[in-house]
Amino acid sequence: MRRQVVVSFGDDNEFDFQLSSADLAGLAANEARQWFEREFTALECDVAAPIGKVLLADFILSVAKYAGERRFREQHAWAEQFAKNATVLLARDLIRVDVVNNTVGY
């Protein structure tokens, strides 16, 4: 089964990741969450409207926002890890991270 993650920084700045089951083999949801927690802390992320807990979508959106377009463009291995971990964490076939509009869609 194919999975897709699209990270958008505006109309002409999208990063599209196509992932197969083999790409995700061996990844567990708890490991994906730990990856996002580490990146969230390392990037010194903040959540736009915290309600006490940081939701999974908040982790994903904040890490994309604080990492920035340049990191997605220049650090392909990191960007691919982002996509793999987002897919495993949210367990969705299609994830769209829209940094400009501050949304994560499934």
PDB file of N, CA and C in Angstrom:
ATOM      1  N   MET A   1       0.838  -1.180   0.000  1.00  0.00           N
ATOM      2  CA  MET A   1       0.000   0.000   0.000  1.00  0.00           C
ATOM      3  C   MET A   1       0.886   1.248   0.000  1.00  0.00           C
ATOM      4  N   ARG A   2       0.527   2.202  -0.808  1.00  0.00           N
ATOM      5  CA  ARG A   2       1.271   3.467  -0.886  1.00  0.00           C
ATOM      6  C   ARG A   2       0.708   4.458   0.116  1.00  0.00           C
ATOM      7  N   ARG A   3       1.600   5.207   0.708  1.00  0.00           N
ATOM      8  CA  ARG A   3       1.231   6.295   1.608  1.00  0.00           C
ATOM      9  C   ARG A   3       1.835   7.569   1.051  1.00  0.00           C
ATOM     10  N   GLN A   4       1.224   8.706   1.330  1.00  0.00           N
ATOM     11  CA  GLN A   4       1.707   9.979   0.806  1.00  0.00           C
ATOM     12  C   GLN A   4       1.684  11.034   1.900  1.00  0.00           C
ATOM     13  N   VAL A   5       2.759  11.806   1.952  1.00  0.00           N
ATOM     14  CA  VAL A   5       2.848  12.962   2.839  1.00  0.00           C
ATOM     15  C   VAL A   5       3.236  14.152   1.970  1.00  0.00           C
ATOM     16  N   VAL A   6       2.444  15.214   2.069  1.00  0.00           N
ATOM     17  CA  VAL A   6       2.723  16.447   1.348  1.00  0.00           C
ATOM     18  C   VAL A   6       2.951  17.537   2.385  1.00  0.00           C
ATOM     19  N   VAL A   7       4.096  18.197   2.302  1.00  0.00           N
ATOM     20  CA  VAL A   7       4.401  19.318   3.186  1.00  0.00           C
ATOM     21  C   VAL A   7       4.438  20.559   2.305  1.00  0.00           C
ATOM     22  N   SER A   8       3.560  21.507   2.599  1.00  0.00           N
ATOM     23  CA  SER A   8       3.422  22.693   1.757  1.00  0.00           C
ATOM     24  C   SER A   8       3.855  23.953   2.497  1.00  0.00           C
ATOM     25  N   PHE A   9       4.687  24.724   1.813  1.00  0.00           N
ATOM     26  CA  PHE A   9       5.104  26.042   2.309  1.00  0.00           C
ATOM     27  C   PHE A   9       4.563  27.126   1.381  1.00  0.00           C
ATOM     28  N   GLY A  10       3.493  26.839   0.673  1.00  0.00           N
ATOM     29  CA  GLY A  10       2.906  27.776  -0.275  1.00  0.00           C
ATOM     30  C   GLY A  10       2.731  27.103  -1.625  1.00  0.00           C
ATOM     31  N   ASP A  11       2.145  27.836  -2.563  1.00  0.00           N
ATOM     32  CA  ASP A  11       1.774  27.283  -3.864  1.00  0.00           C
ATOM     33  C   ASP A  11       2.890  26.539  -4.587  1.00  0.00           C
ATOM     34  N   ASP A  12       4.029  27.140  -4.705  1.00  0.00           N
ATOM     35  CA  ASP A  12       5.114  26.538  -5.480  1.00  0.00           C
ATOM     36  C   ASP A  12       6.152  25.841  -4.627  1.00  0.00           C
ATOM     37  N   ASN A  13       5.880  25.663  -3.377  1.00  0.00           N
ATOM     38  CA  ASN A  13       6.860  25.098  -2.451  1.00  0.00           C
ATOM     39  C   ASN A  13       6.281  23.900  -1.708  1.00  0.00           C
ATOM     40  N   GLU A  14       6.052  22.814  -2.438  1.00  0.00           N
ATOM     41  CA  GLU A  14       5.531  21.603  -1.840  1.00  0.00           C
ATOM     42  C   GLU A  14       6.552  20.480  -1.934  1.00  0.00           C
ATOM     43  N   PHE A  15       6.559  19.668  -0.924  1.00  0.00           N
ATOM     44  CA  PHE A  15       7.423  18.495  -0.872  1.00  0.00           C
ATOM     45  C   PHE A  15       6.511  17.279  -0.754  1.00  0.00           C
ATOM     46  N   ASP A  16       6.603  16.397  -1.725  1.00  0.00           N
ATOM     47  CA  ASP A  16       5.709  15.249  -1.832  1.00  0.00           C
ATOM     48  C   ASP A  16       6.510  13.975  -1.597  1.00  0.00           C
ATOM     49  N   PHE A  17       6.102  13.206  -0.614  1.00  0.00           N
ATOM     50  CA  PHE A  17       6.781  11.964  -0.262  1.00  0.00           C
ATOM     51  C   PHE A  17       5.837  10.791  -0.503  1.00  0.00           C
ATOM     52  N   GLN A  18       6.259   9.867  -1.335  1.00  0.00           N
ATOM     53  CA  GLN A  18       5.522   8.634  -1.618  1.00  0.00           C
ATOM     54  C   GLN A  18       6.222   7.510  -0.864  1.00  0.00           C
ATOM     55  N   LEU A  19       5.492   6.842  -0.006  1.00  0.00           N
ATOM     56  CA  LEU A  19       6.092   5.811   0.843  1.00  0.00           C
ATOM     57  C   LEU A  19       5.387   4.474   0.631  1.00  0.00           C
ATOM     58  N   SER A  20       6.168   3.423   0.611  1.00  0.00           N
ATOM     59  CA  SER A  20       5.611   2.074   0.491  1.00  0.00           C
ATOM     60  C   SER A  20       5.609   1.422   1.873  1.00  0.00           C
ATOM     61  N   SER A  21       4.975   0.285   1.950  1.00  0.00           N
ATOM     62  CA  SER A  21       4.972  -0.472   3.215  1.00  0.00           C
ATOM     63  C   SER A  21       6.389  -0.835   3.626  1.00  0.00           C
ATOM     64  N   ALA A  22       7.242  -1.137   2.649  1.00  0.00           N
ATOM     65  CA  ALA A  22       8.641  -1.479   2.943  1.00  0.00           C
ATOM     66  C   ALA A  22       9.371  -0.296   3.559  1.00  0.00           C
ATOM     67  N   ASP A  23       9.045   0.932   3.120  1.00  0.00           N
ATOM     68  CA  ASP A  23       9.673   2.130   3.687  1.00  0.00           C
ATOM     69  C   ASP A  23       9.352   2.293   5.166  1.00  0.00           C
ATOM     70  N   LEU A  24       8.192   1.781   5.568  1.00  0.00           N
ATOM     71  CA  LEU A  24       7.716   1.971   6.937  1.00  0.00           C
ATOM     72  C   LEU A  24       7.946   0.749   7.826  1.00  0.00           C
ATOM     73  N   ALA A  25       8.475  -0.307   7.252  1.00  0.00           N
ATOM     74  CA  ALA A  25       8.691  -1.548   8.001  1.00  0.00           C
ATOM     75  C   ALA A  25       9.595  -1.301   9.201  1.00  0.00           C
ATOM     76  N   GLY A  26       9.177  -1.816  10.332  1.00  0.00           N
ATOM     77  CA  GLY A  26       9.989  -1.709  11.539  1.00  0.00           C
ATOM     78  C   GLY A  26       9.784  -0.437  12.340  1.00  0.00           C
ATOM     79  N   LEU A  27       9.025   0.513  11.812  1.00  0.00           N
ATOM     80  CA  LEU A  27       8.767   1.745  12.566  1.00  0.00           C
ATOM     81  C   LEU A  27       7.522   1.573  13.432  1.00  0.00           C
ATOM     82  N   ALA A  28       7.631   1.956  14.679  1.00  0.00           N
ATOM     83  CA  ALA A  28       6.503   1.862  15.605  1.00  0.00           C
ATOM     84  C   ALA A  28       6.029   3.263  15.987  1.00  0.00           C
ATOM     85  N   ALA A  29       4.776   3.371  16.346  1.00  0.00           N
ATOM     86  CA  ALA A  29       4.182   4.670  16.690  1.00  0.00           C
ATOM     87  C   ALA A  29       4.909   5.344  17.855  1.00  0.00           C
ATOM     88  N   ASN A  30       5.316   4.569  18.849  1.00  0.00           N
ATOM     89  CA  ASN A  30       6.013   5.186  19.983  1.00  0.00           C
ATOM     90  C   ASN A  30       7.377   5.736  19.568  1.00  0.00           C
ATOM     91  N   GLU A  31       8.057   5.064  18.631  1.00  0.00           N
ATOM     92  CA  GLU A  31       9.335   5.570  18.130  1.00  0.00           C
ATOM     93  C   GLU A  31       9.125   6.834  17.294  1.00  0.00           C
ATOM     94  N   ALA A  32       8.049   6.868  16.525  1.00  0.00           N
ATOM     95  CA  ALA A  32       7.726   8.048  15.718  1.00  0.00           C
ATOM     96  C   ALA A  32       7.432   9.242  16.623  1.00  0.00           C
ATOM     97  N   ARG A  33       6.690   8.996  17.687  1.00  0.00           N
ATOM     98  CA  ARG A  33       6.384  10.085  18.627  1.00  0.00           C
ATOM     99  C   ARG A  33       7.665  10.598  19.288  1.00  0.00           C
ATOM    100  N   GLN A  34       8.543   9.687  19.670  1.00  0.00           N
ATOM    101  CA  GLN A  34       9.812  10.092  20.284  1.00  0.00           C
ATOM    102  C   GLN A  34      10.647  10.916  19.308  1.00  0.00           C
ATOM    103  N   TRP A  35      10.648  10.547  18.025  1.00  0.00           N
ATOM    104  CA  TRP A  35      11.378  11.309  17.012  1.00  0.00           C
ATOM    105  C   TRP A  35      10.837  12.734  16.953  1.00  0.00           C
ATOM    106  N   PHE A  36       9.512  12.871  16.896  1.00  0.00           N
ATOM    107  CA  PHE A  36       8.915  14.208  16.842  1.00  0.00           C
ATOM    108  C   PHE A  36       9.164  14.991  18.129  1.00  0.00           C
ATOM    109  N   GLU A  37       9.133  14.339  19.268  1.00  0.00           N
ATOM    110  CA  GLU A  37       9.413  15.023  20.534  1.00  0.00           C
ATOM    111  C   GLU A  37      10.851  15.540  20.558  1.00  0.00           C
ATOM    112  N   ARG A  38      11.805  14.720  20.078  1.00  0.00           N
ATOM    113  CA  ARG A  38      13.202  15.159  20.025  1.00  0.00           C
ATOM    114  C   ARG A  38      13.370  16.349  19.076  1.00  0.00           C
ATOM    115  N   GLU A  39      12.776  16.267  17.897  1.00  0.00           N
ATOM    116  CA  GLU A  39      12.881  17.357  16.930  1.00  0.00           C
ATOM    117  C   GLU A  39      12.188  18.618  17.444  1.00  0.00           C
ATOM    118  N   PHE A  40      11.046  18.457  18.086  1.00  0.00           N
ATOM    119  CA  PHE A  40      10.293  19.570  18.665  1.00  0.00           C
ATOM    120  C   PHE A  40      11.164  20.325  19.664  1.00  0.00           C
ATOM    121  N   THR A  41      11.851  19.575  20.508  1.00  0.00           N
ATOM    122  CA  THR A  41      12.729  20.174  21.515  1.00  0.00           C
ATOM    123  C   THR A  41      13.969  20.784  20.867  1.00  0.00           C
ATOM    124  N   ALA A  42      14.610  20.057  19.959  1.00  0.00           N
ATOM    125  CA  ALA A  42      15.835  20.539  19.310  1.00  0.00           C
ATOM    126  C   ALA A  42      15.596  21.812  18.503  1.00  0.00           C
ATOM    127  N   LEU A  43      14.439  21.909  17.872  1.00  0.00           N
ATOM    128  CA  LEU A  43      14.112  23.087  17.065  1.00  0.00           C
ATOM    129  C   LEU A  43      13.513  24.224  17.903  1.00  0.00           C
ATOM    130  N   GLU A  44      13.347  23.964  19.204  1.00  0.00           N
ATOM    131  CA  GLU A  44      12.754  24.946  20.121  1.00  0.00           C
ATOM    132  C   GLU A  44      11.389  25.409  19.628  1.00  0.00           C
ATOM    133  N   CYS A  45      10.564  24.437  19.281  1.00  0.00           N
ATOM    134  CA  CYS A  45       9.229  24.718  18.746  1.00  0.00           C
ATOM    135  C   CYS A  45       8.301  25.268  19.811  1.00  0.00           C
ATOM    136  N   ASP A  46       7.289  25.936  19.326  1.00  0.00           N
ATOM    137  CA  ASP A  46       6.218  26.465  20.158  1.00  0.00           C
ATOM    138  C   ASP A  46       4.916  26.120  19.457  1.00  0.00           C
ATOM    139  N   VAL A  47       3.856  25.955  20.204  1.00  0.00           N
ATOM    140  CA  VAL A  47       2.549  25.647  19.635  1.00  0.00           C
ATOM    141  C   VAL A  47       1.724  26.928  19.628  1.00  0.00           C
ATOM    142  N   ALA A  48       1.069  27.192  18.510  1.00  0.00           N
ATOM    143  CA  ALA A  48       0.320  28.436  18.322  1.00  0.00           C
ATOM    144  C   ALA A  48      -0.752  28.653  19.385  1.00  0.00           C
ATOM    145  N   ALA A  49      -1.530  27.640  19.701  1.00  0.00           N
ATOM    146  CA  ALA A  49      -2.616  27.788  20.671  1.00  0.00           C
ATOM    147  C   ALA A  49      -2.620  26.596  21.614  1.00  0.00           C
ATOM    148  N   PRO A  50      -1.683  26.546  22.548  1.00  0.00           N
ATOM    149  CA  PRO A  50      -1.620  25.385  23.441  1.00  0.00           C
ATOM    150  C   PRO A  50      -2.833  25.290  24.358  1.00  0.00           C
ATOM    151  N   ILE A  51      -3.310  24.066  24.551  1.00  0.00           N
ATOM    152  CA  ILE A  51      -4.441  23.845  25.447  1.00  0.00           C
ATOM    153  C   ILE A  51      -4.033  22.936  26.606  1.00  0.00           C
ATOM    154  N   GLY A  52      -2.764  22.881  26.884  1.00  0.00           N
ATOM    155  CA  GLY A  52      -2.269  22.050  27.972  1.00  0.00           C
ATOM    156  C   GLY A  52      -1.451  20.881  27.479  1.00  0.00           C
ATOM    157  N   LYS A  53      -1.953  20.168  26.479  1.00  0.00           N
ATOM    158  CA  LYS A  53      -1.242  19.040  25.894  1.00  0.00           C
ATOM    159  C   LYS A  53      -0.838  19.405  24.478  1.00  0.00           C
ATOM    160  N   VAL A  54       0.262  18.849  24.034  1.00  0.00           N
ATOM    161  CA  VAL A  54       0.652  19.026  22.638  1.00  0.00           C
ATOM    162  C   VAL A  54       0.099  17.828  21.873  1.00  0.00           C
ATOM    163  N   LEU A  55      -0.805  18.103  20.942  1.00  0.00           N
ATOM    164  CA  LEU A  55      -1.426  17.051  20.153  1.00  0.00           C
ATOM    165  C   LEU A  55      -0.462  16.550  19.083  1.00  0.00           C
ATOM    166  N   LEU A  56      -0.707  15.363  18.576  1.00  0.00           N
ATOM    167  CA  LEU A  56       0.165  14.784  17.552  1.00  0.00           C
ATOM    168  C   LEU A  56       0.280  15.704  16.341  1.00  0.00           C
ATOM    169  N   ALA A  57      -0.839  16.249  15.896  1.00  0.00           N
ATOM    170  CA  ALA A  57      -0.815  17.162  14.745  1.00  0.00           C
ATOM    171  C   ALA A  57       0.008  18.406  15.061  1.00  0.00           C
ATOM    172  N   ASP A  58      -0.023  18.869  16.317  1.00  0.00           N
ATOM    173  CA  ASP A  58       0.780  20.032  16.721  1.00  0.00           C
ATOM    174  C   ASP A  58       2.266  19.739  16.600  1.00  0.00           C
ATOM    175  N   PHE A  59       2.672  18.533  17.021  1.00  0.00           N
ATOM    176  CA  PHE A  59       4.076  18.137  16.887  1.00  0.00           C
ATOM    177  C   PHE A  59       4.490  18.199  15.422  1.00  0.00           C
ATOM    178  N   ILE A  60       3.701  17.589  14.572  1.00  0.00           N
ATOM    179  CA  ILE A  60       4.033  17.505  13.153  1.00  0.00           C
ATOM    180  C   ILE A  60       4.075  18.888  12.511  1.00  0.00           C
ATOM    181  N   LEU A  61       3.059  19.689  12.741  1.00  0.00           N
ATOM    182  CA  LEU A  61       3.005  21.022  12.151  1.00  0.00           C
ATOM    183  C   LEU A  61       4.128  21.914  12.673  1.00  0.00           C
ATOM    184  N   SER A  62       4.381  21.889  13.955  1.00  0.00           N
ATOM    185  CA  SER A  62       5.430  22.728  14.536  1.00  0.00           C
ATOM    186  C   SER A  62       6.814  22.339  14.047  1.00  0.00           C
ATOM    187  N   VAL A  63       7.082  21.050  13.961  1.00  0.00           N
ATOM    188  CA  VAL A  63       8.391  20.604  13.484  1.00  0.00           C
ATOM    189  C   VAL A  63       8.585  21.027  12.028  1.00  0.00           C
ATOM    190  N   ALA A  64       7.560  20.894  11.201  1.00  0.00           N
ATOM    191  CA  ALA A  64       7.663  21.338   9.803  1.00  0.00           C
ATOM    192  C   ALA A  64       7.913  22.842   9.735  1.00  0.00           C
ATOM    193  N   LYS A  65       7.168  23.588  10.515  1.00  0.00           N
ATOM    194  CA  LYS A  65       7.282  25.055  10.507  1.00  0.00           C
ATOM    195  C   LYS A  65       8.664  25.520  10.960  1.00  0.00           C
ATOM    196  N   TYR A  66       9.129  25.000  12.080  1.00  0.00           N
ATOM    197  CA  TYR A  66      10.405  25.446  12.638  1.00  0.00           C
ATOM    198  C   TYR A  66      11.605  24.905  11.856  1.00  0.00           C
ATOM    199  N   ALA A  67      11.455  23.733  11.245  1.00  0.00           N
ATOM    200  CA  ALA A  67      12.531  23.197  10.399  1.00  0.00           C
ATOM    201  C   ALA A  67      12.649  24.057   9.146  1.00  0.00           C
ATOM    202  N   GLY A  68      11.519  24.457   8.605  1.00  0.00           N
ATOM    203  CA  GLY A  68      11.500  25.358   7.461  1.00  0.00           C
ATOM    204  C   GLY A  68      11.680  24.689   6.110  1.00  0.00           C
ATOM    205  N   GLU A  69      11.295  25.432   5.110  1.00  0.00           N
ATOM    206  CA  GLU A  69      11.366  24.964   3.726  1.00  0.00           C
ATOM    207  C   GLU A  69      12.778  24.561   3.330  1.00  0.00           C
ATOM    208  N   ARG A  70      13.734  25.332   3.742  1.00  0.00           N
ATOM    209  CA  ARG A  70      15.126  25.065   3.349  1.00  0.00           C
ATOM    210  C   ARG A  70      15.590  23.689   3.813  1.00  0.00           C
ATOM    211  N   ARG A  71      15.235  23.311   5.016  1.00  0.00           N
ATOM    212  CA  ARG A  71      15.651  21.999   5.527  1.00  0.00           C
ATOM    213  C   ARG A  71      15.013  20.873   4.720  1.00  0.00           C
ATOM    214  N   PHE A  72      13.744  21.033   4.367  1.00  0.00           N
ATOM    215  CA  PHE A  72      13.091  20.024   3.544  1.00  0.00           C
ATOM    216  C   PHE A  72      13.769  19.921   2.179  1.00  0.00           C
ATOM    217  N   ARG A  73      14.175  21.045   1.633  1.00  0.00           N
ATOM    218  CA  ARG A  73      14.802  21.071   0.315  1.00  0.00           C
ATOM    219  C   ARG A  73      16.228  20.520   0.350  1.00  0.00           C
ATOM    220  N   GLU A  74      16.995  20.862   1.371  1.00  0.00           N
ATOM    221  CA  GLU A  74      18.420  20.549   1.403  1.00  0.00           C
ATOM    222  C   GLU A  74      18.782  19.284   2.166  1.00  0.00           C
ATOM    223  N   GLN A  75      17.946  18.863   3.091  1.00  0.00           N
ATOM    224  CA  GLN A  75      18.255  17.684   3.905  1.00  0.00           C
ATOM    225  C   GLN A  75      17.220  16.588   3.638  1.00  0.00           C
ATOM    226  N   HIS A  76      17.364  15.982   2.462  1.00  0.00           N
ATOM    227  CA  HIS A  76      16.366  15.006   2.015  1.00  0.00           C
ATOM    228  C   HIS A  76      16.208  13.832   2.994  1.00  0.00           C
ATOM    229  N   ALA A  77      17.283  13.341   3.541  1.00  0.00           N
ATOM    230  CA  ALA A  77      17.192  12.209   4.483  1.00  0.00           C
ATOM    231  C   ALA A  77      16.360  12.597   5.704  1.00  0.00           C
ATOM    232  N   TRP A  78      16.589  13.807   6.217  1.00  0.00           N
ATOM    233  CA  TRP A  78      15.799  14.276   7.364  1.00  0.00           C
ATOM    234  C   TRP A  78      14.331  14.411   6.965  1.00  0.00           C
ATOM    235  N   ALA A  79      14.078  14.999   5.798  1.00  0.00           N
ATOM    236  CA  ALA A  79      12.711  15.206   5.327  1.00  0.00           C
ATOM    237  C   ALA A  79      11.981  13.877   5.144  1.00  0.00           C
ATOM    238  N   GLU A  80      12.698  12.892   4.647  1.00  0.00           N
ATOM    239  CA  GLU A  80      12.095  11.573   4.480  1.00  0.00           C
ATOM    240  C   GLU A  80      11.775  10.951   5.841  1.00  0.00           C
ATOM    241  N   GLN A  81      12.644  11.143   6.829  1.00  0.00           N
ATOM    242  CA  GLN A  81      12.357  10.664   8.188  1.00  0.00           C
ATOM    243  C   GLN A  81      11.112  11.357   8.738  1.00  0.00           C
ATOM    244  N   PHE A  82      10.997  12.647   8.485  1.00  0.00           N
ATOM    245  CA  PHE A  82       9.799  13.394   8.889  1.00  0.00           C
ATOM    246  C   PHE A  82       8.556  12.714   8.315  1.00  0.00           C
ATOM    247  N   ALA A  83       8.570  12.460   7.006  1.00  0.00           N
ATOM    248  CA  ALA A  83       7.409  11.868   6.338  1.00  0.00           C
ATOM    249  C   ALA A  83       7.092  10.472   6.874  1.00  0.00           C
ATOM    250  N   LYS A  84       8.108   9.658   7.043  1.00  0.00           N
ATOM    251  CA  LYS A  84       7.902   8.302   7.558  1.00  0.00           C
ATOM    252  C   LYS A  84       7.305   8.337   8.959  1.00  0.00           C
ATOM    253  N   ASN A  85       7.882   9.162   9.829  1.00  0.00           N
ATOM    254  CA  ASN A  85       7.397   9.233  11.208  1.00  0.00           C
ATOM    255  C   ASN A  85       5.996   9.826  11.290  1.00  0.00           C
ATOM    256  N   ALA A  86       5.687  10.797  10.450  1.00  0.00           N
ATOM    257  CA  ALA A  86       4.335  11.370  10.436  1.00  0.00           C
ATOM    258  C   ALA A  86       3.322  10.310  10.016  1.00  0.00           C
ATOM    259  N   THR A  87       3.679   9.520   9.006  1.00  0.00           N
ATOM    260  CA  THR A  87       2.781   8.473   8.527  1.00  0.00           C
ATOM    261  C   THR A  87       2.512   7.438   9.603  1.00  0.00           C
ATOM    262  N   VAL A  88       3.556   7.001  10.266  1.00  0.00           N
ATOM    263  CA  VAL A  88       3.402   5.995  11.322  1.00  0.00           C
ATOM    264  C   VAL A  88       2.656   6.571  12.519  1.00  0.00           C
ATOM    265  N   LEU A  89       2.969   7.791  12.890  1.00  0.00           N
ATOM    266  CA  LEU A  89       2.347   8.412  14.058  1.00  0.00           C
ATOM    267  C   LEU A  89       0.848   8.615  13.859  1.00  0.00           C
ATOM    268  N   LEU A  90       0.442   9.085  12.689  1.00  0.00           N
ATOM    269  CA  LEU A  90      -0.973   9.372  12.451  1.00  0.00           C
ATOM    270  C   LEU A  90      -1.736   8.203  11.830  1.00  0.00           C
ATOM    271  N   ALA A  91      -1.011   7.193  11.324  1.00  0.00           N
ATOM    272  CA  ALA A  91      -1.634   5.999  10.728  1.00  0.00           C
ATOM    273  C   ALA A  91      -2.657   6.374   9.661  1.00  0.00           C
ATOM    274  N   ARG A  92      -2.234   7.230   8.743  1.00  0.00           N
ATOM    275  CA  ARG A  92      -3.098   7.677   7.644  1.00  0.00           C
ATOM    276  C   ARG A  92      -2.410   7.406   6.308  1.00  0.00           C
ATOM    277  N   ASP A  93      -3.227   7.218   5.273  1.00  0.00           N
ATOM    278  CA  ASP A  93      -2.684   6.987   3.932  1.00  0.00           C
ATOM    279  C   ASP A  93      -2.232   8.283   3.266  1.00  0.00           C
ATOM    280  N   LEU A  94      -2.895   9.384   3.596  1.00  0.00           N
ATOM    281  CA  LEU A  94      -2.556  10.687   3.029  1.00  0.00           C
ATOM    282  C   LEU A  94      -2.529  11.723   4.140  1.00  0.00           C
ATOM    283  N   ILE A  95      -1.424  12.436   4.233  1.00  0.00           N
ATOM    284  CA  ILE A  95      -1.279  13.517   5.219  1.00  0.00           C
ATOM    285  C   ILE A  95      -0.817  14.746   4.473  1.00  0.00           C
ATOM    286  N   ARG A  96      -1.494  15.854   4.703  1.00  0.00           N
ATOM    287  CA  ARG A  96      -1.098  17.124   4.094  1.00  0.00           C
ATOM    288  C   ARG A  96      -0.796  18.119   5.212  1.00  0.00           C
ATOM    289  N   VAL A  97       0.462  18.535   5.282  1.00  0.00           N
ATOM    290  CA  VAL A  97       0.903  19.512   6.274  1.00  0.00           C
ATOM    291  C   VAL A  97       1.012  20.851   5.552  1.00  0.00           C
ATOM    292  N   ASP A  98       0.131  21.766   5.877  1.00  0.00           N
ATOM    293  CA  ASP A  98       0.086  23.082   5.243  1.00  0.00           C
ATOM    294  C   ASP A  98       0.618  24.105   6.244  1.00  0.00           C
ATOM    295  N   VAL A  99       1.885  24.426   6.114  1.00  0.00           N
ATOM    296  CA  VAL A  99       2.543  25.309   7.066  1.00  0.00           C
ATOM    297  C   VAL A  99       1.974  26.720   6.981  1.00  0.00           C
ATOM    298  N   VAL A 100       1.710  27.210   5.785  1.00  0.00           N
ATOM    299  CA  VAL A 100       1.202  28.558   5.589  1.00  0.00           C
ATOM    300  C   VAL A 100      -0.144  28.754   6.271  1.00  0.00           C
ATOM    301  N   ASN A 101      -1.035  27.766   6.137  1.00  0.00           N
ATOM    302  CA  ASN A 101      -2.370  27.868   6.724  1.00  0.00           C
ATOM    303  C   ASN A 101      -2.475  27.213   8.096  1.00  0.00           C
ATOM    304  N   ASN A 102      -1.350  26.725   8.604  1.00  0.00           N
ATOM    305  CA  ASN A 102      -1.293  26.158   9.964  1.00  0.00           C
ATOM    306  C   ASN A 102      -2.263  24.983  10.154  1.00  0.00           C
ATOM    307  N   THR A 103      -2.285  24.059   9.177  1.00  0.00           N
ATOM    308  CA  THR A 103      -3.201  22.925   9.271  1.00  0.00           C
ATOM    309  C   THR A 103      -2.508  21.609   8.926  1.00  0.00           C
ATOM    310  N   VAL A 104      -3.063  20.541   9.464  1.00  0.00           N
ATOM    311  CA  VAL A 104      -2.678  19.190   9.099  1.00  0.00           C
ATOM    312  C   VAL A 104      -3.966  18.486   8.704  1.00  0.00           C
ATOM    313  N   GLY A 105      -4.023  17.998   7.466  1.00  0.00           N
ATOM    314  CA  GLY A 105      -5.209  17.305   6.975  1.00  0.00           C
ATOM    315  C   GLY A 105      -4.905  15.859   6.681  1.00  0.00           C
ATOM    316  N   TYR A 106      -5.952  15.049   6.743  1.00  0.00           N
ATOM    317  CA  TYR A 106      -5.800  13.599   6.522  1.00  0.00           C
ATOM    318  C   TYR A 106      -6.597  13.196   5.299  1.00  0.00           C
TER     319      TYR A 106
END
